[in-house]
Each structure stands twice: as C-alpha cells, then as structure tokens.
Amino acid sequence: MSELSEVGRFVPDAVENAPILRLQHGNLTIEGYSRAAVQTYWRIPELKLGFDLGAHPWSFMNTPNWFVSHFHLDHAAALPVYVARRRMMKMAPPRIYVAQQAVSLVERLLRLWERLDRGRMRCELVGLEPGDEVELTRHLVVSAFSTSHTVPSLGFLVWERRKKLKPEYQGLPGEELARLRRSGVEITQELRIPLVAYLGDTSPRGLDAHPAIYEAKILILEVTFLAPDHRKEIIHKYGHIHLDDIVERADRFNNELIIGAHVSTRYHRDRAERLIQRRVPETLRDRFRLWL
C-alpha cells in the first residue's frame, strides 16, 4: 500500500491554495485534508465525486458531484466558493447532495451570496434522506445513511453495481442465454460491492447502525480524539469518535483500508502517530492510515 504523501505543492497546473494529501489504493485515489475545527474535504477523482467542502483546492474544481455530510463550517464553508469558481471558469453547474433539512437554508444562503457577489450561484441542490440512493452512473450508486452528530448529518456509501448471471442459468450455452434474453426472461441479477464509506462527523452510533460500512473496501471515518484520558461520554455526546471506539470494534472491520481523519488540533502529528502505533491492534495496524 502506498504511503500517504503531501501533494499540494506538486499538482501540475494547479493554484496552491489548500493542502492536499493523497493515497493510492488499488485503482482509486483518495485526496484531501481533514482536521477538526479547521477544514475537511475529500475527493476520489476516478469516481468523479467528493465529500464535504470545508475548503476547496483549485485542482478539485473539475469534480462535478459533492456529498456534504453536515453544515458545520469546517465541512461546508467553501460551498459558495466552489459554485462561484465553476461559474467563473464557464463549467457546468455542479450537483451538490445535502441532507433534505438543509436544502431550503442552503438555497437562501446562495441567493444572499448572489446579492453580495453580483454573480449567479448556479448549482443543482439535491436533498437526501437516510436510505435514499443516487445513481451516478450505470455502475455506481451512492446511498445515504444517518449518522449521529449535533446537527442533521449523513454518511455516504459508494457501491459498484454489476450484473451477474442468476445461478439457474449458469452453465447454459450462449445461444440459449441469448434466446432467453430475447424472450423477455431476466437472466441476470444485480451484485453490489461496497467501495467507499464516508462518515463525516459522528458518534459510534453512526458507525454501528450500518453493517455495510465495515465491509467497504475503503472506509473514511473520523477519529477526533486519541488520548486515553479524554472522557468518551462527553466525546460521544458531541457526536465524535475516540480511538478507543475503533479499538473496541477491531474485529468488525473487514475493510482493506481504514482512514482515520478529523484529528483534533490538540494533537501534534508526532504524538498522534505514537498513540496510533501504541494503541491500534496489530490486526488493524497494516490497514489503518492516520490522515496527517
């Protein structure tokens, strides 16, 4: 697995305006930055989607689909910046997915920015409820699920969708399969593979309520607090996860890659990495990457 690398200064033809870390896993690239109370933004360029808009690197502008987990400023402050940049560069209006409760307020916010900026804020705002699905392509579906935070919040799971021959038709010759298909018989069934799960900010309840999260190839979740002396009941009350919560669930994670992000600013990078090395079980250590 490739090591985490800082690429903000080395993106060709990009304006250097926000830090970017990058990690390659298989055929997917995870890019972004996340620090609690500072800014959080992610994208996966191969899937043409991003998560959260706490800031917006210039090089992310060509990504057309964004899923916003919640509207604390460190996760959403750059939404009008992104929309305005797309307009300025004569790009198609983006599609932005938010919790249904937030749609009318975000629309009002954008109209106010239009008056201040004297430029149109054109985008397609799509409200989602837990359980809703978005068909991005024939092969990609994003499902929304509820998380547990201090404001309305969603997590997102990206599925790869494939067609698989039903068991009763396996082994039949191609001519027979073609004849059945022409006669209107549905000979395939949908197979879904969980690719990427993104939680935004949440207490452990948001993690435990959705078993498919533990099966996604790539899991991006917050681990805001790391030190053992922090009170977990307070952390959970304010909708966050402690490293202990990850350790306690170590045997449930079937993910190929687990990204721990949104680390509190009270931890210097060296101390954070020492805590991870000391406390993450060996069964997780090779799959766990601290996003710092």
Foldseek 3Di string as FASTA:
>chain_A
DDDKDWCLVPDPPFDNDDTKIWDDDVPWIWIWAAAAPAATKIDTVVLLEIEFPLDDGRVNLRRQEYEYFDDDNRGHVCLQVSQVVCVVVVHDAGEYEYAQVCVVVVVVVQVVVCVVVVDHRDHHYHHDDQQDWDPPDPFKIKGWHFFAAPGGGIKIWIKGKDKDFDPVCPPPDPVVVVVCVVVPHDGIDIDIATAEIEGPFFECVRVVVDLCLLRHQEYEFEAAAQDPPDDNVVQRVRGHHHVVSCQVCVVSRPYQAYEYHNYHPVDDPVRRVVSCVVRRDPSCNVRYDYRD
